[in-house]
Amino acid sequence: MTQQSNRTGPSREWLLRMADVEDSCPSVSVGGMACDLDLLAPPHSNGQRIFGRLVEFARRQLGMSVEQLANEADIELSEIVEIEMHDETVPRVRTVFQLAKALKIPEGRLMEVAGLATPRPEISHAALKFAARSESTAKLTFNEREALEEFVKVLVEVSDGGMRD
């Protein structure tokens, strides 16, 4: 008898395979249930840090407080604070869409930055440049504002030139 790992529940790979199988068998709901239970959450990456910084800078550039953004995006205040302050926070899909609308950033591109969709190479490159040039301050510096504008410009260009959201 082989020894199993101490992990509880099915592996991520198994859940993904079963989600593919459910397409051919309408009575099976493994993928949907796994998503509902957050078992298919994306692994932590540096993307969450970049996503949080982007949300913070875009909010500050619009002159919004965290509370104003929470109201505008119809998101709990604590959720926005978590996103901006804690690198390990993985946002929910609804949260990203609500933030994209409130911050005027294309939804699909923001999903990529948040780590909820596979980023295009242009997005990854722009995100790395943005992370390298941004520093947290009370007011956006000229360089931060420039970095934010360049990053958002790439998000908009990729959205306009490629697949529509």
N, C-alpha and C. Protein backbone atom coordinates (compact mmCIF):
# COMPACT_ATOMS: atom_id res chain seq x y z
N MET A 1 0.85 -1.18 0.00
CA MET A 1 0.00 0.00 0.00
C MET A 1 0.89 1.24 0.00
N THR A 2 0.61 2.18 -0.88
CA THR A 2 1.43 3.39 -0.93
C THR A 2 0.89 4.42 0.04
N GLN A 3 1.83 5.22 0.52
CA GLN A 3 1.44 6.24 1.48
C GLN A 3 0.97 7.48 0.73
N GLN A 4 -0.19 8.02 1.11
CA GLN A 4 -0.72 9.22 0.49
C GLN A 4 -0.25 10.44 1.25
N SER A 5 -0.26 11.58 0.58
CA SER A 5 0.15 12.82 1.25
C SER A 5 -0.92 13.22 2.27
N ASN A 6 -0.56 14.13 3.15
CA ASN A 6 -1.47 14.59 4.19
C ASN A 6 -2.51 15.58 3.66
N ARG A 7 -2.44 15.92 2.39
CA ARG A 7 -3.36 16.87 1.80
C ARG A 7 -4.76 16.30 1.80
N THR A 8 -5.73 17.13 2.11
CA THR A 8 -7.12 16.67 2.08
C THR A 8 -7.76 17.09 0.78
N GLY A 9 -8.65 16.27 0.29
CA GLY A 9 -9.38 16.59 -0.93
C GLY A 9 -8.59 16.24 -2.18
N PRO A 10 -9.25 16.35 -3.32
CA PRO A 10 -8.62 16.01 -4.59
C PRO A 10 -7.58 17.06 -5.00
N SER A 11 -6.66 16.66 -5.84
CA SER A 11 -5.63 17.59 -6.32
C SER A 11 -6.24 18.58 -7.31
N ARG A 12 -5.56 19.67 -7.50
CA ARG A 12 -5.98 20.69 -8.46
C ARG A 12 -6.04 20.08 -9.87
N GLU A 13 -5.04 19.26 -10.21
CA GLU A 13 -5.00 18.64 -11.54
C GLU A 13 -6.22 17.75 -11.76
N TRP A 14 -6.57 16.96 -10.75
CA TRP A 14 -7.73 16.09 -10.86
C TRP A 14 -9.00 16.91 -11.06
N LEU A 15 -9.14 17.97 -10.28
CA LEU A 15 -10.32 18.83 -10.40
C LEU A 15 -10.42 19.44 -11.80
N LEU A 16 -9.28 19.88 -12.35
CA LEU A 16 -9.30 20.45 -13.69
C LEU A 16 -9.67 19.39 -14.73
N ARG A 17 -9.14 18.17 -14.60
CA ARG A 17 -9.51 17.09 -15.53
C ARG A 17 -10.99 16.79 -15.44
N MET A 18 -11.52 16.74 -14.24
CA MET A 18 -12.94 16.45 -14.06
C MET A 18 -13.81 17.59 -14.60
N ALA A 19 -13.33 18.81 -14.49
CA ALA A 19 -14.08 19.94 -15.06
C ALA A 19 -14.18 19.79 -16.58
N ASP A 20 -13.10 19.30 -17.21
CA ASP A 20 -13.13 19.05 -18.66
C ASP A 20 -14.13 17.94 -18.99
N VAL A 21 -14.19 16.91 -18.15
CA VAL A 21 -15.09 15.79 -18.39
C VAL A 21 -16.55 16.22 -18.30
N GLU A 22 -16.85 17.17 -17.43
CA GLU A 22 -18.25 17.55 -17.24
C GLU A 22 -18.89 18.14 -18.50
N ASP A 23 -18.07 18.63 -19.42
CA ASP A 23 -18.63 19.14 -20.68
C ASP A 23 -19.39 18.05 -21.45
N SER A 24 -18.91 16.81 -21.36
CA SER A 24 -19.55 15.72 -22.10
C SER A 24 -20.60 14.98 -21.28
N CYS A 25 -20.72 15.32 -20.02
CA CYS A 25 -21.67 14.63 -19.15
C CYS A 25 -22.41 15.67 -18.31
N PRO A 26 -23.58 16.12 -18.75
CA PRO A 26 -24.27 17.23 -18.09
C PRO A 26 -24.64 16.97 -16.63
N SER A 27 -24.66 15.73 -16.19
CA SER A 27 -25.05 15.47 -14.81
C SER A 27 -23.89 15.61 -13.83
N VAL A 28 -22.67 15.79 -14.33
CA VAL A 28 -21.50 15.92 -13.46
C VAL A 28 -21.21 17.40 -13.25
N SER A 29 -20.87 17.78 -12.03
CA SER A 29 -20.64 19.19 -11.73
C SER A 29 -19.38 19.40 -10.91
N VAL A 30 -18.35 18.63 -11.15
CA VAL A 30 -17.12 18.74 -10.36
C VAL A 30 -16.49 20.11 -10.53
N GLY A 31 -16.34 20.59 -11.77
CA GLY A 31 -15.70 21.88 -11.99
C GLY A 31 -16.46 23.02 -11.36
N GLY A 32 -17.79 23.03 -11.54
CA GLY A 32 -18.59 24.10 -10.95
C GLY A 32 -18.53 24.09 -9.44
N MET A 33 -18.60 22.90 -8.86
CA MET A 33 -18.53 22.80 -7.41
C MET A 33 -17.15 23.23 -6.92
N ALA A 34 -16.09 22.84 -7.62
CA ALA A 34 -14.75 23.22 -7.22
C ALA A 34 -14.58 24.74 -7.25
N CYS A 35 -15.13 25.38 -8.28
CA CYS A 35 -15.05 26.84 -8.35
C CYS A 35 -15.84 27.47 -7.21
N ASP A 36 -17.03 26.94 -6.93
CA ASP A 36 -17.84 27.46 -5.84
C ASP A 36 -17.13 27.36 -4.50
N LEU A 37 -16.35 26.31 -4.33
CA LEU A 37 -15.63 26.09 -3.08
C LEU A 37 -14.25 26.73 -3.06
N ASP A 38 -13.93 27.50 -4.10
CA ASP A 38 -12.62 28.15 -4.24
C ASP A 38 -11.47 27.16 -4.23
N LEU A 39 -11.71 25.94 -4.72
CA LEU A 39 -10.65 24.95 -4.78
C LEU A 39 -9.77 25.16 -6.01
N LEU A 40 -10.21 25.95 -6.94
CA LEU A 40 -9.44 26.21 -8.14
C LEU A 40 -8.82 27.60 -8.12
N ALA A 41 -8.63 28.15 -6.94
CA ALA A 41 -8.04 29.48 -6.84
C ALA A 41 -6.64 29.44 -7.42
N PRO A 42 -6.24 30.50 -8.13
CA PRO A 42 -4.92 30.51 -8.73
C PRO A 42 -3.85 30.56 -7.65
N PRO A 43 -2.68 29.99 -7.94
CA PRO A 43 -1.61 30.03 -6.95
C PRO A 43 -1.13 31.46 -6.74
N HIS A 44 -0.57 31.72 -5.56
CA HIS A 44 -0.05 33.05 -5.24
C HIS A 44 1.11 33.38 -6.17
N SER A 45 1.18 34.60 -6.59
CA SER A 45 2.29 35.04 -7.43
C SER A 45 2.57 36.50 -7.14
N ASN A 46 3.64 37.01 -7.73
CA ASN A 46 3.96 38.42 -7.58
C ASN A 46 2.94 39.30 -8.27
N GLY A 47 2.08 38.69 -9.09
CA GLY A 47 1.03 39.44 -9.76
C GLY A 47 0.09 40.11 -8.79
N GLN A 48 -0.18 39.48 -7.64
CA GLN A 48 -1.07 40.10 -6.67
C GLN A 48 -0.46 41.39 -6.14
N ARG A 49 0.84 41.43 -5.97
CA ARG A 49 1.50 42.66 -5.50
C ARG A 49 1.32 43.76 -6.55
N ILE A 50 1.53 43.41 -7.81
CA ILE A 50 1.39 44.37 -8.89
C ILE A 50 -0.06 44.82 -9.00
N PHE A 51 -0.98 43.87 -8.89
CA PHE A 51 -2.41 44.20 -8.96
C PHE A 51 -2.79 45.18 -7.86
N GLY A 52 -2.38 44.90 -6.64
CA GLY A 52 -2.68 45.79 -5.52
C GLY A 52 -2.11 47.18 -5.71
N ARG A 53 -0.89 47.24 -6.20
CA ARG A 53 -0.25 48.54 -6.45
C ARG A 53 -0.98 49.29 -7.56
N LEU A 54 -1.39 48.58 -8.62
CA LEU A 54 -2.13 49.21 -9.71
C LEU A 54 -3.45 49.78 -9.21
N VAL A 55 -4.17 49.00 -8.41
CA VAL A 55 -5.44 49.48 -7.85
C VAL A 55 -5.21 50.73 -7.01
N GLU A 56 -4.19 50.70 -6.16
CA GLU A 56 -3.91 51.84 -5.31
C GLU A 56 -3.57 53.09 -6.13
N PHE A 57 -2.67 52.95 -7.10
CA PHE A 57 -2.25 54.10 -7.90
C PHE A 57 -3.39 54.64 -8.75
N ALA A 58 -4.16 53.75 -9.38
CA ALA A 58 -5.28 54.20 -10.20
C ALA A 58 -6.30 54.94 -9.34
N ARG A 59 -6.56 54.42 -8.15
CA ARG A 59 -7.49 55.07 -7.22
C ARG A 59 -6.98 56.45 -6.83
N ARG A 60 -5.71 56.53 -6.47
CA ARG A 60 -5.13 57.81 -6.06
C ARG A 60 -5.10 58.80 -7.21
N GLN A 61 -4.82 58.32 -8.43
CA GLN A 61 -4.80 59.22 -9.58
C GLN A 61 -6.19 59.82 -9.81
N LEU A 62 -7.24 59.06 -9.54
CA LEU A 62 -8.60 59.57 -9.68
C LEU A 62 -9.02 60.43 -8.48
N GLY A 63 -8.14 60.56 -7.49
CA GLY A 63 -8.43 61.37 -6.32
C GLY A 63 -9.44 60.75 -5.39
N MET A 64 -9.52 59.41 -5.40
CA MET A 64 -10.50 58.70 -4.58
C MET A 64 -9.85 58.14 -3.32
N SER A 65 -10.60 58.17 -2.24
CA SER A 65 -10.18 57.47 -1.03
C SER A 65 -10.55 56.00 -1.20
N VAL A 66 -10.03 55.17 -0.32
CA VAL A 66 -10.38 53.75 -0.36
C VAL A 66 -11.89 53.59 -0.16
N GLU A 67 -12.44 54.38 0.73
CA GLU A 67 -13.88 54.31 1.00
C GLU A 67 -14.70 54.73 -0.23
N GLN A 68 -14.25 55.77 -0.92
CA GLN A 68 -14.97 56.20 -2.14
C GLN A 68 -14.92 55.11 -3.21
N LEU A 69 -13.75 54.47 -3.36
CA LEU A 69 -13.65 53.39 -4.35
C LEU A 69 -14.56 52.23 -3.97
N ALA A 70 -14.61 51.90 -2.69
CA ALA A 70 -15.49 50.82 -2.23
C ALA A 70 -16.94 51.11 -2.59
N ASN A 71 -17.36 52.34 -2.37
CA ASN A 71 -18.73 52.73 -2.71
C ASN A 71 -18.97 52.71 -4.21
N GLU A 72 -18.04 53.28 -4.96
CA GLU A 72 -18.18 53.35 -6.42
C GLU A 72 -18.21 51.96 -7.06
N ALA A 73 -17.37 51.05 -6.55
CA ALA A 73 -17.25 49.71 -7.12
C ALA A 73 -18.22 48.72 -6.48
N ASP A 74 -18.93 49.14 -5.45
CA ASP A 74 -19.85 48.25 -4.73
C ASP A 74 -19.11 47.02 -4.20
N ILE A 75 -18.01 47.29 -3.50
CA ILE A 75 -17.16 46.25 -2.92
C ILE A 75 -16.96 46.60 -1.45
N GLU A 76 -16.83 45.60 -0.62
CA GLU A 76 -16.58 45.84 0.80
C GLU A 76 -15.26 46.61 0.97
N LEU A 77 -15.26 47.58 1.85
CA LEU A 77 -14.08 48.38 2.15
C LEU A 77 -12.91 47.48 2.53
N SER A 78 -13.17 46.48 3.35
CA SER A 78 -12.10 45.59 3.81
C SER A 78 -11.45 44.83 2.66
N GLU A 79 -12.23 44.53 1.62
CA GLU A 79 -11.69 43.80 0.47
C GLU A 79 -10.68 44.66 -0.30
N ILE A 80 -10.98 45.94 -0.45
CA ILE A 80 -10.06 46.83 -1.16
C ILE A 80 -8.80 47.04 -0.33
N VAL A 81 -8.96 47.20 0.97
CA VAL A 81 -7.79 47.35 1.84
C VAL A 81 -6.90 46.11 1.73
N GLU A 82 -7.51 44.93 1.73
CA GLU A 82 -6.74 43.68 1.59
C GLU A 82 -5.97 43.66 0.27
N ILE A 83 -6.63 44.04 -0.81
CA ILE A 83 -5.99 44.03 -2.12
C ILE A 83 -4.80 44.99 -2.15
N GLU A 84 -4.99 46.19 -1.63
CA GLU A 84 -3.93 47.20 -1.70
C GLU A 84 -2.79 46.93 -0.72
N MET A 85 -3.11 46.34 0.42
CA MET A 85 -2.11 46.22 1.48
C MET A 85 -1.44 44.86 1.63
N HIS A 86 -2.07 43.80 1.16
CA HIS A 86 -1.56 42.45 1.41
C HIS A 86 -1.26 41.74 0.10
N ASP A 87 0.00 41.42 -0.10
CA ASP A 87 0.46 40.80 -1.35
C ASP A 87 -0.17 39.44 -1.62
N GLU A 88 -0.59 38.73 -0.59
CA GLU A 88 -1.10 37.36 -0.78
C GLU A 88 -2.58 37.31 -1.14
N THR A 89 -3.24 38.44 -1.21
CA THR A 89 -4.67 38.47 -1.51
C THR A 89 -4.93 38.14 -2.97
N VAL A 90 -5.79 37.14 -3.20
CA VAL A 90 -6.22 36.80 -4.55
C VAL A 90 -7.66 37.29 -4.67
N PRO A 91 -7.89 38.27 -5.55
CA PRO A 91 -9.24 38.84 -5.65
C PRO A 91 -10.22 37.90 -6.32
N ARG A 92 -11.49 38.10 -6.03
CA ARG A 92 -12.55 37.36 -6.71
C ARG A 92 -12.80 37.99 -8.08
N VAL A 93 -13.34 37.20 -9.01
CA VAL A 93 -13.61 37.69 -10.35
C VAL A 93 -14.54 38.89 -10.31
N ARG A 94 -15.60 38.82 -9.53
CA ARG A 94 -16.54 39.93 -9.43
C ARG A 94 -15.83 41.20 -8.97
N THR A 95 -14.94 41.06 -8.01
CA THR A 95 -14.20 42.21 -7.48
C THR A 95 -13.39 42.88 -8.58
N VAL A 96 -12.71 42.08 -9.38
CA VAL A 96 -11.87 42.64 -10.46
C VAL A 96 -12.74 43.37 -11.47
N PHE A 97 -13.88 42.79 -11.85
CA PHE A 97 -14.76 43.46 -12.81
C PHE A 97 -15.30 44.78 -12.23
N GLN A 98 -15.68 44.77 -10.96
CA GLN A 98 -16.20 45.99 -10.34
C GLN A 98 -15.11 47.07 -10.26
N LEU A 99 -13.89 46.66 -9.90
CA LEU A 99 -12.78 47.61 -9.83
C LEU A 99 -12.46 48.16 -11.21
N ALA A 100 -12.48 47.31 -12.22
CA ALA A 100 -12.17 47.76 -13.58
C ALA A 100 -13.14 48.85 -14.02
N LYS A 101 -14.41 48.65 -13.74
CA LYS A 101 -15.41 49.68 -14.11
C LYS A 101 -15.15 50.98 -13.36
N ALA A 102 -14.92 50.88 -12.07
CA ALA A 102 -14.74 52.08 -11.25
C ALA A 102 -13.44 52.81 -11.59
N LEU A 103 -12.40 52.07 -11.94
CA LEU A 103 -11.09 52.67 -12.23
C LEU A 103 -10.88 52.94 -13.71
N LYS A 104 -11.87 52.57 -14.53
CA LYS A 104 -11.82 52.79 -15.98
C LYS A 104 -10.62 52.10 -16.63
N ILE A 105 -10.47 50.81 -16.30
CA ILE A 105 -9.42 49.95 -16.87
C ILE A 105 -10.14 48.77 -17.51
N PRO A 106 -9.73 48.34 -18.70
CA PRO A 106 -10.40 47.22 -19.37
C PRO A 106 -10.45 45.97 -18.48
N GLU A 107 -11.65 45.39 -18.35
CA GLU A 107 -11.86 44.26 -17.45
C GLU A 107 -10.96 43.08 -17.74
N GLY A 108 -10.86 42.68 -18.98
CA GLY A 108 -10.05 41.52 -19.34
C GLY A 108 -8.59 41.71 -19.01
N ARG A 109 -8.08 42.90 -19.25
CA ARG A 109 -6.67 43.17 -18.96
C ARG A 109 -6.44 43.19 -17.46
N LEU A 110 -7.39 43.72 -16.70
CA LEU A 110 -7.24 43.74 -15.25
C LEU A 110 -7.30 42.32 -14.68
N MET A 111 -8.09 41.46 -15.32
CA MET A 111 -8.12 40.04 -14.92
C MET A 111 -6.74 39.42 -15.10
N GLU A 112 -6.06 39.76 -16.18
CA GLU A 112 -4.72 39.25 -16.42
C GLU A 112 -3.76 39.73 -15.35
N VAL A 113 -3.82 41.01 -15.03
CA VAL A 113 -2.93 41.58 -14.01
C VAL A 113 -3.21 40.95 -12.65
N ALA A 114 -4.47 40.66 -12.37
CA ALA A 114 -4.85 40.07 -11.07
C ALA A 114 -4.47 38.60 -10.97
N GLY A 115 -4.04 38.00 -12.07
CA GLY A 115 -3.65 36.60 -12.04
C GLY A 115 -4.82 35.65 -12.24
N LEU A 116 -5.95 36.16 -12.69
CA LEU A 116 -7.14 35.33 -12.90
C LEU A 116 -7.30 34.90 -14.35
N ALA A 117 -6.38 35.34 -15.21
CA ALA A 117 -6.35 34.94 -16.61
C ALA A 117 -4.88 34.94 -17.02
N THR A 118 -4.54 34.13 -17.99
CA THR A 118 -3.17 34.06 -18.47
C THR A 118 -2.81 35.38 -19.15
N PRO A 119 -1.79 36.07 -18.64
CA PRO A 119 -1.46 37.38 -19.21
C PRO A 119 -0.76 37.26 -20.55
N ARG A 120 -1.06 38.19 -21.42
CA ARG A 120 -0.35 38.29 -22.69
C ARG A 120 1.07 38.79 -22.39
N PRO A 121 2.02 38.51 -23.27
CA PRO A 121 3.39 38.97 -23.03
C PRO A 121 3.49 40.49 -22.85
N GLU A 122 2.69 41.25 -23.61
CA GLU A 122 2.72 42.71 -23.49
C GLU A 122 2.30 43.15 -22.09
N ILE A 123 1.30 42.46 -21.54
CA ILE A 123 0.80 42.80 -20.20
C ILE A 123 1.85 42.46 -19.16
N SER A 124 2.46 41.28 -19.29
CA SER A 124 3.50 40.87 -18.34
C SER A 124 4.66 41.86 -18.35
N HIS A 125 5.08 42.26 -19.55
CA HIS A 125 6.19 43.20 -19.67
C HIS A 125 5.82 44.55 -19.05
N ALA A 126 4.64 45.06 -19.37
CA ALA A 126 4.20 46.34 -18.82
C ALA A 126 4.08 46.26 -17.30
N ALA A 127 3.60 45.12 -16.79
CA ALA A 127 3.46 44.95 -15.34
C ALA A 127 4.81 44.97 -14.65
N LEU A 128 5.80 44.31 -15.25
CA LEU A 128 7.14 44.31 -14.66
C LEU A 128 7.75 45.71 -14.65
N LYS A 129 7.58 46.46 -15.74
CA LYS A 129 8.07 47.83 -15.78
C LYS A 129 7.38 48.69 -14.73
N PHE A 130 6.07 48.51 -14.61
CA PHE A 130 5.29 49.26 -13.63
C PHE A 130 5.78 48.95 -12.21
N ALA A 131 5.96 47.68 -11.89
CA ALA A 131 6.41 47.28 -10.55
C ALA A 131 7.79 47.83 -10.26
N ALA A 132 8.65 47.81 -11.25
CA ALA A 132 10.03 48.27 -11.05
C ALA A 132 10.10 49.78 -10.82
N ARG A 133 9.17 50.53 -11.37
CA ARG A 133 9.23 51.98 -11.29
C ARG A 133 8.32 52.60 -10.24
N SER A 134 7.52 51.81 -9.58
CA SER A 134 6.55 52.38 -8.64
C SER A 134 7.01 52.23 -7.20
N GLU A 135 6.79 53.25 -6.44
CA GLU A 135 7.06 53.23 -5.00
C GLU A 135 5.82 53.75 -4.30
N SER A 136 5.53 53.18 -3.14
CA SER A 136 4.35 53.61 -2.40
C SER A 136 4.63 54.93 -1.70
N THR A 137 3.83 55.95 -2.02
CA THR A 137 3.92 57.26 -1.38
C THR A 137 2.50 57.78 -1.17
N ALA A 138 2.38 58.83 -0.39
CA ALA A 138 1.06 59.39 -0.13
C ALA A 138 0.47 60.02 -1.38
N LYS A 139 1.32 60.62 -2.22
CA LYS A 139 0.85 61.25 -3.45
C LYS A 139 1.70 60.70 -4.59
N LEU A 140 1.07 60.47 -5.73
CA LEU A 140 1.82 59.94 -6.86
C LEU A 140 2.90 60.93 -7.28
N THR A 141 4.12 60.41 -7.43
CA THR A 141 5.19 61.24 -7.96
C THR A 141 5.03 61.32 -9.47
N PHE A 142 5.81 62.17 -10.10
CA PHE A 142 5.77 62.28 -11.55
C PHE A 142 6.07 60.93 -12.19
N ASN A 143 7.10 60.23 -11.71
CA ASN A 143 7.47 58.93 -12.28
C ASN A 143 6.38 57.89 -12.06
N GLU A 144 5.75 57.89 -10.89
CA GLU A 144 4.66 56.93 -10.63
C GLU A 144 3.47 57.21 -11.54
N ARG A 145 3.12 58.47 -11.67
CA ARG A 145 2.01 58.84 -12.54
C ARG A 145 2.32 58.44 -13.98
N GLU A 146 3.56 58.68 -14.41
CA GLU A 146 3.97 58.30 -15.75
C GLU A 146 3.93 56.78 -15.92
N ALA A 147 4.42 56.03 -14.91
CA ALA A 147 4.40 54.57 -14.97
C ALA A 147 2.96 54.05 -15.03
N LEU A 148 2.09 54.64 -14.22
CA LEU A 148 0.69 54.23 -14.23
C LEU A 148 0.05 54.52 -15.58
N GLU A 149 0.27 55.70 -16.12
CA GLU A 149 -0.32 56.06 -17.41
C GLU A 149 0.17 55.14 -18.53
N GLU A 150 1.47 54.82 -18.52
CA GLU A 150 2.00 53.90 -19.53
C GLU A 150 1.38 52.52 -19.40
N PHE A 151 1.24 52.03 -18.17
CA PHE A 151 0.67 50.71 -17.93
C PHE A 151 -0.79 50.67 -18.38
N VAL A 152 -1.58 51.65 -17.99
CA VAL A 152 -2.99 51.70 -18.38
C VAL A 152 -3.10 51.85 -19.90
N LYS A 153 -2.20 52.62 -20.51
CA LYS A 153 -2.20 52.78 -21.97
C LYS A 153 -2.03 51.43 -22.65
N VAL A 154 -1.09 50.61 -22.16
CA VAL A 154 -0.89 49.27 -22.74
C VAL A 154 -2.14 48.43 -22.55
N LEU A 155 -2.76 48.50 -21.36
CA LEU A 155 -3.98 47.73 -21.12
C LEU A 155 -5.06 48.12 -22.11
N VAL A 156 -5.22 49.42 -22.36
CA VAL A 156 -6.25 49.89 -23.28
C VAL A 156 -5.90 49.52 -24.72
N GLU A 157 -4.62 49.69 -25.11
CA GLU A 157 -4.21 49.37 -26.48
C GLU A 157 -4.40 47.89 -26.78
N VAL A 158 -3.99 47.04 -25.86
CA VAL A 158 -4.13 45.60 -26.06
C VAL A 158 -5.61 45.24 -26.13
N SER A 159 -6.41 45.91 -25.33
CA SER A 159 -7.85 45.65 -25.34
C SER A 159 -8.47 46.10 -26.66
N ASP A 160 -8.08 47.26 -27.15
CA ASP A 160 -8.64 47.79 -28.40
C ASP A 160 -8.12 47.05 -29.61
N GLY A 161 -6.85 46.64 -29.58
CA GLY A 161 -6.26 46.00 -30.74
C GLY A 161 -6.47 44.51 -30.81
N GLY A 162 -6.84 43.91 -29.70
CA GLY A 162 -7.00 42.45 -29.67
C GLY A 162 -8.43 42.05 -29.42
N MET A 163 -8.58 41.02 -28.64
CA MET A 163 -9.90 40.49 -28.32
C MET A 163 -10.65 41.49 -27.46
N ARG A 164 -11.88 41.72 -27.77
CA ARG A 164 -12.72 42.67 -27.01
C ARG A 164 -13.16 42.02 -25.72
N ASP A 165 -13.32 42.85 -24.69
CA ASP A 165 -13.80 42.35 -23.38
C ASP A 165 -15.30 42.18 -23.41
